[in-house]
Amino acid sequence: MKNNLPEDFAALECFVSEWVLPDSHARSTKRFSTPYEDTKTFYDNMLGYAEMALKLLRHRQIGELSTQEENLLELMLAPQKSGLS
């Protein structure tokens, strides 16, 4: 499997092709067009890695992120909790 994310986030690789999107409009469209259960599965998986991802990205500058870190950031931006529990 290709390493699209930093090594510690390998369990999230299965979400990269579907959820790493270029902008907020694309992320919003994806959230609203994806079945609830699929969105919830994605959200629940991301939530388990959120603290670790924030710790990794906290001191990085946007223009200086590696491709893997950029992908992780895009995954972190994709979920939206409203309506999910």
N, C-alpha and C. Protein backbone atom coordinates (compact mmCIF):
# COMPACT_ATOMS: atom_id res chain seq x y z
N MET A 1 0.84 -1.18 0.00
CA MET A 1 0.00 0.00 0.00
C MET A 1 0.89 1.24 0.00
N LYS A 2 0.51 2.22 -0.79
CA LYS A 2 1.27 3.46 -0.88
C LYS A 2 1.16 4.23 0.43
N ASN A 3 2.25 4.88 0.83
CA ASN A 3 2.26 5.68 2.04
C ASN A 3 1.85 7.11 1.72
N ASN A 4 0.55 7.37 1.81
CA ASN A 4 0.02 8.71 1.56
C ASN A 4 -0.05 9.54 2.82
N LEU A 5 0.22 8.91 3.96
CA LEU A 5 0.14 9.57 5.26
C LEU A 5 1.40 9.29 6.05
N PRO A 6 1.67 10.10 7.07
CA PRO A 6 2.79 9.77 7.95
C PRO A 6 2.60 8.36 8.53
N GLU A 7 3.70 7.71 8.81
CA GLU A 7 3.70 6.30 9.22
C GLU A 7 2.72 5.98 10.35
N ASP A 8 2.62 6.83 11.35
CA ASP A 8 1.75 6.57 12.50
C ASP A 8 0.26 6.59 12.15
N PHE A 9 -0.06 6.99 10.93
CA PHE A 9 -1.45 7.10 10.51
C PHE A 9 -1.80 6.11 9.41
N ALA A 10 -1.03 5.06 9.28
CA ALA A 10 -1.23 4.06 8.22
C ALA A 10 -2.63 3.45 8.23
N ALA A 11 -3.24 3.35 9.39
CA ALA A 11 -4.59 2.76 9.48
C ALA A 11 -5.64 3.61 8.76
N LEU A 12 -5.31 4.86 8.46
CA LEU A 12 -6.25 5.75 7.78
C LEU A 12 -6.05 5.79 6.26
N GLU A 13 -5.06 5.05 5.77
CA GLU A 13 -4.76 5.04 4.33
C GLU A 13 -6.00 4.74 3.49
N CYS A 14 -6.87 3.88 3.98
CA CYS A 14 -8.05 3.47 3.21
C CYS A 14 -9.00 4.64 2.93
N PHE A 15 -8.84 5.74 3.65
CA PHE A 15 -9.72 6.90 3.46
C PHE A 15 -9.13 7.96 2.53
N VAL A 16 -7.87 7.87 2.23
CA VAL A 16 -7.18 8.93 1.48
C VAL A 16 -7.80 9.16 0.10
N SER A 17 -7.99 8.12 -0.67
CA SER A 17 -8.45 8.31 -2.05
C SER A 17 -9.84 8.93 -2.12
N GLU A 18 -10.65 8.71 -1.09
CA GLU A 18 -12.02 9.21 -1.11
C GLU A 18 -12.18 10.56 -0.39
N TRP A 19 -11.36 10.81 0.63
CA TRP A 19 -11.60 11.95 1.50
C TRP A 19 -10.53 13.04 1.46
N VAL A 20 -9.41 12.83 0.82
CA VAL A 20 -8.44 13.92 0.67
C VAL A 20 -8.87 14.73 -0.54
N LEU A 21 -9.42 15.90 -0.24
CA LEU A 21 -10.03 16.73 -1.28
C LEU A 21 -9.40 18.12 -1.28
N PRO A 22 -9.44 18.82 -2.41
CA PRO A 22 -8.65 20.04 -2.58
C PRO A 22 -9.14 21.29 -1.83
N ASP A 23 -10.43 21.34 -1.47
CA ASP A 23 -10.91 22.58 -0.86
C ASP A 23 -12.17 22.33 -0.04
N SER A 24 -12.62 23.35 0.67
CA SER A 24 -13.78 23.22 1.55
C SER A 24 -15.06 22.90 0.79
N HIS A 25 -15.19 23.43 -0.41
CA HIS A 25 -16.38 23.13 -1.21
C HIS A 25 -16.43 21.64 -1.55
N ALA A 26 -15.32 21.09 -1.98
CA ALA A 26 -15.26 19.66 -2.31
C ALA A 26 -15.53 18.81 -1.07
N ARG A 27 -14.98 19.22 0.08
CA ARG A 27 -15.22 18.48 1.32
C ARG A 27 -16.69 18.53 1.71
N SER A 28 -17.30 19.69 1.59
CA SER A 28 -18.72 19.84 1.92
C SER A 28 -19.58 18.99 0.99
N THR A 29 -19.30 19.05 -0.29
CA THR A 29 -20.04 18.25 -1.26
C THR A 29 -19.91 16.77 -0.94
N LYS A 30 -18.71 16.34 -0.61
CA LYS A 30 -18.46 14.93 -0.26
C LYS A 30 -19.27 14.53 0.97
N ARG A 31 -19.22 15.35 2.01
CA ARG A 31 -19.96 15.03 3.24
C ARG A 31 -21.45 14.88 2.96
N PHE A 32 -22.02 15.78 2.18
CA PHE A 32 -23.46 15.77 1.95
C PHE A 32 -23.89 14.71 0.93
N SER A 33 -22.96 14.23 0.12
CA SER A 33 -23.33 13.23 -0.88
C SER A 33 -22.99 11.80 -0.45
N THR A 34 -22.35 11.66 0.70
CA THR A 34 -21.96 10.35 1.19
C THR A 34 -23.02 9.84 2.17
N PRO A 35 -23.38 8.57 2.05
CA PRO A 35 -24.36 8.02 3.00
C PRO A 35 -23.91 8.22 4.45
N TYR A 36 -24.87 8.46 5.30
CA TYR A 36 -24.61 8.72 6.72
C TYR A 36 -23.67 7.70 7.34
N GLU A 37 -23.94 6.43 7.16
CA GLU A 37 -23.12 5.39 7.79
C GLU A 37 -21.66 5.44 7.33
N ASP A 38 -21.45 5.73 6.06
CA ASP A 38 -20.07 5.84 5.55
C ASP A 38 -19.36 7.06 6.14
N THR A 39 -20.08 8.16 6.24
CA THR A 39 -19.51 9.36 6.84
C THR A 39 -19.20 9.12 8.31
N LYS A 40 -20.10 8.46 9.01
CA LYS A 40 -19.91 8.17 10.42
C LYS A 40 -18.70 7.25 10.63
N THR A 41 -18.55 6.24 9.79
CA THR A 41 -17.40 5.35 9.88
C THR A 41 -16.10 6.14 9.71
N PHE A 42 -16.07 7.00 8.72
CA PHE A 42 -14.90 7.84 8.49
C PHE A 42 -14.65 8.73 9.71
N TYR A 43 -15.67 9.42 10.16
CA TYR A 43 -15.54 10.32 11.30
C TYR A 43 -15.03 9.57 12.53
N ASP A 44 -15.63 8.44 12.83
CA ASP A 44 -15.23 7.66 14.02
C ASP A 44 -13.77 7.23 13.95
N ASN A 45 -13.31 6.86 12.77
CA ASN A 45 -11.90 6.48 12.60
C ASN A 45 -10.99 7.68 12.77
N MET A 46 -11.36 8.80 12.17
CA MET A 46 -10.54 10.01 12.28
C MET A 46 -10.46 10.51 13.72
N LEU A 47 -11.56 10.42 14.43
CA LEU A 47 -11.60 10.91 15.80
C LEU A 47 -10.54 10.24 16.67
N GLY A 48 -10.30 8.96 16.44
CA GLY A 48 -9.30 8.23 17.20
C GLY A 48 -7.87 8.72 16.97
N TYR A 49 -7.65 9.43 15.88
CA TYR A 49 -6.32 9.92 15.53
C TYR A 49 -6.20 11.44 15.63
N ALA A 50 -7.28 12.10 15.98
CA ALA A 50 -7.30 13.56 15.95
C ALA A 50 -6.24 14.19 16.85
N GLU A 51 -6.16 13.74 18.08
CA GLU A 51 -5.20 14.35 19.01
C GLU A 51 -3.77 14.16 18.53
N MET A 52 -3.45 12.96 18.06
CA MET A 52 -2.11 12.69 17.57
C MET A 52 -1.81 13.53 16.32
N ALA A 53 -2.81 13.68 15.44
CA ALA A 53 -2.62 14.47 14.22
C ALA A 53 -2.40 15.94 14.57
N LEU A 54 -3.20 16.46 15.49
CA LEU A 54 -3.04 17.85 15.89
C LEU A 54 -1.68 18.09 16.52
N LYS A 55 -1.22 17.14 17.30
CA LYS A 55 0.10 17.27 17.92
C LYS A 55 1.19 17.32 16.85
N LEU A 56 1.06 16.50 15.83
CA LEU A 56 2.05 16.47 14.74
C LEU A 56 2.02 17.76 13.93
N LEU A 57 0.82 18.23 13.61
CA LEU A 57 0.67 19.36 12.70
C LEU A 57 0.77 20.73 13.38
N ARG A 58 0.62 20.76 14.68
CA ARG A 58 0.52 22.02 15.44
C ARG A 58 1.67 22.99 15.15
N HIS A 59 2.86 22.51 15.04
CA HIS A 59 4.02 23.40 14.89
C HIS A 59 4.57 23.43 13.47
N ARG A 60 3.78 22.95 12.52
CA ARG A 60 4.20 22.97 11.12
C ARG A 60 3.57 24.18 10.43
N GLN A 61 4.24 24.70 9.43
CA GLN A 61 3.71 25.78 8.61
C GLN A 61 3.07 25.16 7.37
N ILE A 62 1.94 25.71 6.94
CA ILE A 62 1.21 25.16 5.79
C ILE A 62 2.11 24.97 4.58
N GLY A 63 2.87 25.93 4.20
CA GLY A 63 3.72 25.82 3.01
C GLY A 63 4.91 24.88 3.17
N GLU A 64 5.13 24.39 4.38
CA GLU A 64 6.28 23.54 4.64
C GLU A 64 5.90 22.09 4.95
N LEU A 65 4.62 21.74 4.80
CA LEU A 65 4.17 20.38 5.07
C LEU A 65 4.65 19.43 3.97
N SER A 66 5.00 18.23 4.37
CA SER A 66 5.29 17.20 3.38
C SER A 66 3.97 16.79 2.73
N THR A 67 4.03 16.10 1.63
CA THR A 67 2.81 15.62 0.97
C THR A 67 2.00 14.75 1.92
N GLN A 68 2.67 13.91 2.68
CA GLN A 68 1.98 13.04 3.63
C GLN A 68 1.29 13.87 4.72
N GLU A 69 1.94 14.90 5.20
CA GLU A 69 1.35 15.77 6.22
C GLU A 69 0.18 16.57 5.64
N GLU A 70 0.31 17.02 4.39
CA GLU A 70 -0.80 17.73 3.74
C GLU A 70 -2.02 16.82 3.63
N ASN A 71 -1.79 15.57 3.26
CA ASN A 71 -2.89 14.61 3.17
C ASN A 71 -3.56 14.41 4.53
N LEU A 72 -2.76 14.32 5.57
CA LEU A 72 -3.30 14.17 6.92
C LEU A 72 -4.14 15.39 7.29
N LEU A 73 -3.65 16.58 6.98
CA LEU A 73 -4.40 17.79 7.25
C LEU A 73 -5.74 17.77 6.52
N GLU A 74 -5.73 17.39 5.25
CA GLU A 74 -6.97 17.32 4.48
C GLU A 74 -7.95 16.31 5.09
N LEU A 75 -7.43 15.19 5.58
CA LEU A 75 -8.31 14.23 6.26
C LEU A 75 -8.90 14.83 7.52
N MET A 76 -8.09 15.57 8.25
CA MET A 76 -8.57 16.19 9.48
C MET A 76 -9.66 17.25 9.20
N LEU A 77 -9.59 17.88 8.06
CA LEU A 77 -10.56 18.91 7.70
C LEU A 77 -11.86 18.33 7.14
N ALA A 78 -11.84 17.09 6.71
CA ALA A 78 -12.98 16.50 6.01
C ALA A 78 -14.19 16.23 6.89
N PRO A 79 -14.04 15.65 8.08
CA PRO A 79 -15.25 15.31 8.84
C PRO A 79 -15.92 16.53 9.44
N GLN A 80 -17.18 16.40 9.61
CA GLN A 80 -17.94 17.45 10.28
C GLN A 80 -18.89 16.74 11.23
N LYS A 81 -18.79 17.00 12.49
CA LYS A 81 -19.55 16.26 13.48
C LYS A 81 -21.04 16.52 13.43
N SER A 82 -21.49 17.67 13.03
CA SER A 82 -22.91 17.97 13.12
C SER A 82 -23.75 16.86 12.49
N GLY A 83 -24.68 16.38 13.26
CA GLY A 83 -25.55 15.31 12.80
C GLY A 83 -25.01 13.93 13.04
N LEU A 84 -23.76 13.82 13.48
CA LEU A 84 -23.16 12.51 13.75
C LEU A 84 -23.03 12.34 15.24
N SER A 85 -23.26 11.14 15.71
CA SER A 85 -23.07 10.88 17.13
C SER A 85 -22.53 9.50 17.34
